[in-house]
Amino acid sequence: MILRDAEFEKIYLENFKSVYSFLFRLSGSADTAEELTQETFFQAYLSLFRYRGDCAIGTWLCAIAKKLFLKHLRRSKTQTLPIDLFEAELAAPETSDPACGVVKKLESERLKKAVLSLPEKYSNVLILRIYGELPYEEIAGRLGISVSSAKVIFFRAKKQIREALENE
């Protein structure tokens, strides 16, 4: 696919918000999201000839963004993921007791470790479903699997996390 700069600018303007939002939810940092969003569009510009049109351009861009985010995690070696969506399942009712805050922080660290220890296919589906807020149909299309496989993998990923936390 060969595009003029004006056409690519249109793609950029139409997809910037969704790519940035996706990366912000993954990283929890506006600076990281901004940096990785710019890198995503740079890589997309360089690789546009590889885009086959099998999926929406926004889906393709988010796939690039996810790969860049995972590369960023490996490079930074901090490997942190925002876990606010998971914490809701673990958190006890809100209290002003400082000890509860410490317990919640420890649980958050355990949860991050469990998510990062998942096999890649499980973590991919989990990240796209929870952080990307994508429907199973889009996850399936992006990963080249069936919709039912995406659902099963998501269920198994959650089960593995629960088991890892219980066995720790």
C-alpha atoms as a PDB file:
ATOM      1  CA  MET A   1       0.000   0.000   0.000  1.00  0.00           C
ATOM      2  CA  ILE A   2       1.553   3.280  -1.116  1.00  0.00           C
ATOM      3  CA  LEU A   3       0.189   6.470   0.388  1.00  0.00           C
ATOM      4  CA  ARG A   4       1.047  10.086   0.058  1.00  0.00           C
ATOM      5  CA  ASP A   5       1.964  12.010   3.187  1.00  0.00           C
ATOM      6  CA  ALA A   6      -1.432  13.727   3.234  1.00  0.00           C
ATOM      7  CA  GLU A   7      -3.189  10.351   3.267  1.00  0.00           C
ATOM      8  CA  PHE A   8      -1.011   9.112   6.103  1.00  0.00           C
ATOM      9  CA  GLU A   9      -1.714  12.320   8.009  1.00  0.00           C
ATOM     10  CA  LYS A  10      -5.417  11.526   7.712  1.00  0.00           C
ATOM     11  CA  ILE A  11      -4.780   8.044   9.146  1.00  0.00           C
ATOM     12  CA  TYR A  12      -2.818   9.665  11.964  1.00  0.00           C
ATOM     13  CA  LEU A  13      -5.549  12.169  12.801  1.00  0.00           C
ATOM     14  CA  GLU A  14      -8.287   9.522  12.717  1.00  0.00           C
ATOM     15  CA  ASN A  15      -6.430   7.019  14.902  1.00  0.00           C
ATOM     16  CA  PHE A  16      -4.219   9.043  17.249  1.00  0.00           C
ATOM     17  CA  LYS A  17      -6.744   9.170  20.114  1.00  0.00           C
ATOM     18  CA  SER A  18      -7.501   5.452  20.127  1.00  0.00           C
ATOM     19  CA  VAL A  19      -3.824   4.431  19.919  1.00  0.00           C
ATOM     20  CA  TYR A  20      -2.877   6.910  22.652  1.00  0.00           C
ATOM     21  CA  SER A  21      -5.747   5.739  24.894  1.00  0.00           C
ATOM     22  CA  PHE A  22      -4.779   2.113  24.378  1.00  0.00           C
ATOM     23  CA  LEU A  23      -1.156   2.831  25.317  1.00  0.00           C
ATOM     24  CA  PHE A  24      -2.146   5.000  28.267  1.00  0.00           C
ATOM     25  CA  ARG A  25      -4.264   2.178  29.704  1.00  0.00           C
ATOM     26  CA  LEU A  26      -1.365  -0.235  29.230  1.00  0.00           C
ATOM     27  CA  SER A  27       1.338   2.002  30.660  1.00  0.00           C
ATOM     28  CA  GLY A  28      -0.533   4.199  33.119  1.00  0.00           C
ATOM     29  CA  SER A  29       1.791   7.031  32.113  1.00  0.00           C
ATOM     30  CA  ALA A  30       0.933   9.946  29.850  1.00  0.00           C
ATOM     31  CA  ASP A  31       4.596  10.436  28.921  1.00  0.00           C
ATOM     32  CA  THR A  32       5.111   6.792  28.006  1.00  0.00           C
ATOM     33  CA  ALA A  33       1.837   6.702  26.087  1.00  0.00           C
ATOM     34  CA  GLU A  34       2.797   9.815  24.123  1.00  0.00           C
ATOM     35  CA  GLU A  35       6.265   8.497  23.316  1.00  0.00           C
ATOM     36  CA  LEU A  36       4.992   5.073  22.261  1.00  0.00           C
ATOM     37  CA  THR A  37       2.136   6.584  20.234  1.00  0.00           C
ATOM     38  CA  GLN A  38       4.616   8.609  18.206  1.00  0.00           C
ATOM     39  CA  GLU A  39       6.826   5.547  17.750  1.00  0.00           C
ATOM     40  CA  THR A  40       3.766   3.522  16.696  1.00  0.00           C
ATOM     41  CA  PHE A  41       2.934   5.927  13.896  1.00  0.00           C
ATOM     42  CA  PHE A  42       6.578   6.165  12.857  1.00  0.00           C
ATOM     43  CA  GLN A  43       6.814   2.367  12.623  1.00  0.00           C
ATOM     44  CA  ALA A  44       3.481   2.240  10.809  1.00  0.00           C
ATOM     45  CA  TYR A  45       4.711   4.792   8.279  1.00  0.00           C
ATOM     46  CA  LEU A  46       7.829   2.718   7.643  1.00  0.00           C
ATOM     47  CA  SER A  47       5.860  -0.538   7.451  1.00  0.00           C
ATOM     48  CA  LEU A  48       2.748   0.576   5.629  1.00  0.00           C
ATOM     49  CA  PHE A  49       3.646  -1.638   2.682  1.00  0.00           C
ATOM     50  CA  ARG A  50       3.040  -4.632   4.994  1.00  0.00           C
ATOM     51  CA  TYR A  51      -0.539  -3.634   5.788  1.00  0.00           C
ATOM     52  CA  ARG A  52      -2.709  -6.062   3.829  1.00  0.00           C
ATOM     53  CA  GLY A  53      -6.109  -4.720   4.795  1.00  0.00           C
ATOM     54  CA  ASP A  54      -7.116  -7.916   6.628  1.00  0.00           C
ATOM     55  CA  CYS A  55      -8.265  -5.788   9.563  1.00  0.00           C
ATOM     56  CA  ALA A  56      -9.114  -2.169  10.254  1.00  0.00           C
ATOM     57  CA  ILE A  57      -6.141   0.187  10.136  1.00  0.00           C
ATOM     58  CA  GLY A  58      -6.810   1.088  13.794  1.00  0.00           C
ATOM     59  CA  THR A  59      -6.518  -2.569  14.756  1.00  0.00           C
ATOM     60  CA  TRP A  60      -3.233  -2.842  12.877  1.00  0.00           C
ATOM     61  CA  LEU A  61      -1.929   0.274  14.619  1.00  0.00           C
ATOM     62  CA  CYS A  62      -2.885  -1.081  18.055  1.00  0.00           C
ATOM     63  CA  ALA A  63      -1.053  -4.316  17.260  1.00  0.00           C
ATOM     64  CA  ILE A  64       2.074  -2.271  16.523  1.00  0.00           C
ATOM     65  CA  ALA A  65       1.495  -0.260  19.712  1.00  0.00           C
ATOM     66  CA  LYS A  66       1.181  -3.430  21.807  1.00  0.00           C
ATOM     67  CA  LYS A  67       4.437  -4.818  20.428  1.00  0.00           C
ATOM     68  CA  LEU A  68       6.201  -1.527  21.140  1.00  0.00           C
ATOM     69  CA  PHE A  69       4.789  -1.455  24.676  1.00  0.00           C
ATOM     70  CA  LEU A  70       5.986  -4.994  25.409  1.00  0.00           C
ATOM     71  CA  LYS A  71       9.393  -4.093  23.972  1.00  0.00           C
ATOM     72  CA  HIS A  72       9.403  -1.007  26.208  1.00  0.00           C
ATOM     73  CA  LEU A  73       8.675  -3.204  29.244  1.00  0.00           C
ATOM     74  CA  ARG A  74      11.514  -5.573  28.409  1.00  0.00           C
ATOM     75  CA  ARG A  75      13.893  -2.685  27.758  1.00  0.00           C
ATOM     76  CA  SER A  76      13.010  -0.782  30.933  1.00  0.00           C
ATOM     77  CA  LYS A  77      12.962  -3.970  33.028  1.00  0.00           C
ATOM     78  CA  THR A  78      10.383  -2.401  35.325  1.00  0.00           C
ATOM     79  CA  GLN A  79       7.604  -4.544  33.878  1.00  0.00           C
ATOM     80  CA  THR A  80       4.716  -2.747  35.492  1.00  0.00           C
ATOM     81  CA  LEU A  81       1.158  -2.926  34.303  1.00  0.00           C
ATOM     82  CA  PRO A  82      -1.705  -0.858  35.614  1.00  0.00           C
ATOM     83  CA  ILE A  83      -3.940  -3.274  37.446  1.00  0.00           C
ATOM     84  CA  ASP A  84      -6.838  -1.124  38.504  1.00  0.00           C
ATOM     85  CA  LEU A  85      -9.271  -3.385  36.681  1.00  0.00           C
ATOM     86  CA  PHE A  86      -7.995  -6.455  38.494  1.00  0.00           C
ATOM     87  CA  GLU A  87      -7.742  -4.735  41.863  1.00  0.00           C
ATOM     88  CA  ALA A  88     -11.503  -4.313  41.955  1.00  0.00           C
ATOM     89  CA  GLU A  89     -11.805  -8.090  42.223  1.00  0.00           C
ATOM     90  CA  LEU A  90      -9.173  -8.316  44.966  1.00  0.00           C
ATOM     91  CA  ALA A  91      -9.876  -5.215  47.005  1.00  0.00           C
ATOM     92  CA  ALA A  92     -11.756  -5.336  50.251  1.00  0.00           C
ATOM     93  CA  PRO A  93     -14.256  -2.571  51.015  1.00  0.00           C
ATOM     94  CA  GLU A  94     -12.589   0.831  51.321  1.00  0.00           C
ATOM     95  CA  THR A  95     -11.388   1.667  54.788  1.00  0.00           C
ATOM     96  CA  SER A  96      -9.241   4.336  56.372  1.00  0.00           C
ATOM     97  CA  ASP A  97      -7.031   1.695  57.995  1.00  0.00           C
ATOM     98  CA  PRO A  98      -3.426   2.158  56.725  1.00  0.00           C
ATOM     99  CA  ALA A  99      -2.796  -1.572  57.068  1.00  0.00           C
ATOM    100  CA  CYS A 100      -5.440  -2.231  54.420  1.00  0.00           C
ATOM    101  CA  GLY A 101      -3.568   0.075  52.051  1.00  0.00           C
ATOM    102  CA  VAL A 102      -0.381  -1.912  52.557  1.00  0.00           C
ATOM    103  CA  VAL A 103      -2.202  -5.193  51.972  1.00  0.00           C
ATOM    104  CA  LYS A 104      -3.783  -3.810  48.807  1.00  0.00           C
ATOM    105  CA  LYS A 105      -0.362  -2.730  47.497  1.00  0.00           C
ATOM    106  CA  LEU A 106       1.100  -6.169  48.187  1.00  0.00           C
ATOM    107  CA  GLU A 107      -1.836  -7.818  46.415  1.00  0.00           C
ATOM    108  CA  SER A 108      -1.291  -5.489  43.447  1.00  0.00           C
ATOM    109  CA  GLU A 109       2.353  -6.541  43.192  1.00  0.00           C
ATOM    110  CA  ARG A 110       1.386 -10.227  43.334  1.00  0.00           C
ATOM    111  CA  LEU A 111      -1.174  -9.661  40.612  1.00  0.00           C
ATOM    112  CA  LYS A 112       1.292  -7.898  38.318  1.00  0.00           C
ATOM    113  CA  LYS A 113       3.730 -10.766  38.755  1.00  0.00           C
ATOM    114  CA  ALA A 114       1.014 -13.299  37.900  1.00  0.00           C
ATOM    115  CA  VAL A 115      -0.043 -11.423  34.753  1.00  0.00           C
ATOM    116  CA  LEU A 116       3.539 -11.134  33.554  1.00  0.00           C
ATOM    117  CA  SER A 117       4.147 -14.858  34.100  1.00  0.00           C
ATOM    118  CA  LEU A 118       1.336 -15.909  31.742  1.00  0.00           C
ATOM    119  CA  PRO A 119       2.227 -17.540  28.413  1.00  0.00           C
ATOM    120  CA  GLU A 120       2.339 -14.981  25.599  1.00  0.00           C
ATOM    121  CA  LYS A 121      -0.896 -16.072  23.912  1.00  0.00           C
ATOM    122  CA  TYR A 122      -2.745 -15.717  27.240  1.00  0.00           C
ATOM    123  CA  SER A 123      -1.241 -12.353  28.083  1.00  0.00           C
ATOM    124  CA  ASN A 124      -1.979 -11.066  24.558  1.00  0.00           C
ATOM    125  CA  VAL A 125      -5.676 -11.902  24.837  1.00  0.00           C
ATOM    126  CA  LEU A 126      -5.858 -10.611  28.405  1.00  0.00           C
ATOM    127  CA  ILE A 127      -4.166  -7.309  27.548  1.00  0.00           C
ATOM    128  CA  LEU A 128      -6.315  -6.741  24.479  1.00  0.00           C
ATOM    129  CA  ARG A 129      -9.535  -7.620  26.324  1.00  0.00           C
ATOM    130  CA  ILE A 130      -8.920  -5.816  29.632  1.00  0.00           C
ATOM    131  CA  TYR A 131      -6.666  -2.915  28.713  1.00  0.00           C
ATOM    132  CA  GLY A 132      -7.590  -2.511  25.069  1.00  0.00           C
ATOM    133  CA  GLU A 133     -11.279  -3.032  25.829  1.00  0.00           C
ATOM    134  CA  LEU A 134     -11.625  -4.899  22.545  1.00  0.00           C
ATOM    135  CA  PRO A 135     -14.490  -7.247  21.746  1.00  0.00           C
ATOM    136  CA  TYR A 136     -13.641 -10.913  21.274  1.00  0.00           C
ATOM    137  CA  GLU A 137     -14.288 -10.641  17.527  1.00  0.00           C
ATOM    138  CA  GLU A 138     -11.578  -8.010  17.118  1.00  0.00           C
ATOM    139  CA  ILE A 139      -9.155  -9.881  19.358  1.00  0.00           C
ATOM    140  CA  ALA A 140      -9.704 -13.014  17.284  1.00  0.00           C
ATOM    141  CA  GLY A 141      -9.114 -11.128  14.053  1.00  0.00           C
ATOM    142  CA  ARG A 142      -6.007  -9.439  15.358  1.00  0.00           C
ATOM    143  CA  LEU A 143      -4.450 -12.640  16.679  1.00  0.00           C
ATOM    144  CA  GLY A 144      -5.620 -14.912  13.872  1.00  0.00           C
ATOM    145  CA  ILE A 145      -7.699 -17.171  16.107  1.00  0.00           C
ATOM    146  CA  SER A 146     -11.398 -17.974  16.329  1.00  0.00           C
ATOM    147  CA  VAL A 147     -13.758 -15.991  18.528  1.00  0.00           C
ATOM    148  CA  SER A 148     -14.399 -19.043  20.684  1.00  0.00           C
ATOM    149  CA  SER A 149     -10.625 -19.528  21.108  1.00  0.00           C
ATOM    150  CA  ALA A 150     -10.284 -15.925  22.249  1.00  0.00           C
ATOM    151  CA  LYS A 151     -13.008 -16.484  24.855  1.00  0.00           C
ATOM    152  CA  VAL A 152     -11.469 -19.742  26.062  1.00  0.00           C
ATOM    153  CA  ILE A 153      -7.973 -18.237  26.264  1.00  0.00           C
ATOM    154  CA  PHE A 154      -9.307 -15.245  28.219  1.00  0.00           C
ATOM    155  CA  PHE A 155     -11.123 -17.560  30.650  1.00  0.00           C
ATOM    156  CA  ARG A 156      -8.003 -19.720  31.078  1.00  0.00           C
ATOM    157  CA  ALA A 157      -5.789 -16.666  31.604  1.00  0.00           C
ATOM    158  CA  LYS A 158      -8.039 -15.447  34.418  1.00  0.00           C
ATOM    159  CA  LYS A 159      -8.076 -18.950  35.907  1.00  0.00           C
ATOM    160  CA  GLN A 160      -4.269 -19.169  35.786  1.00  0.00           C
ATOM    161  CA  ILE A 161      -3.966 -15.814  37.520  1.00  0.00           C
ATOM    162  CA  ARG A 162      -6.372 -16.900  40.252  1.00  0.00           C
ATOM    163  CA  GLU A 163      -4.488 -20.179  40.733  1.00  0.00           C
ATOM    164  CA  ALA A 164      -1.110 -18.438  40.798  1.00  0.00           C
ATOM    165  CA  LEU A 165      -2.355 -16.049  43.461  1.00  0.00           C
ATOM    166  CA  GLU A 166      -3.872 -18.859  45.533  1.00  0.00           C
ATOM    167  CA  ASN A 167      -0.737 -21.028  45.317  1.00  0.00           C
ATOM    168  CA  GLU A 168       1.681 -18.255  46.150  1.00  0.00           C
END
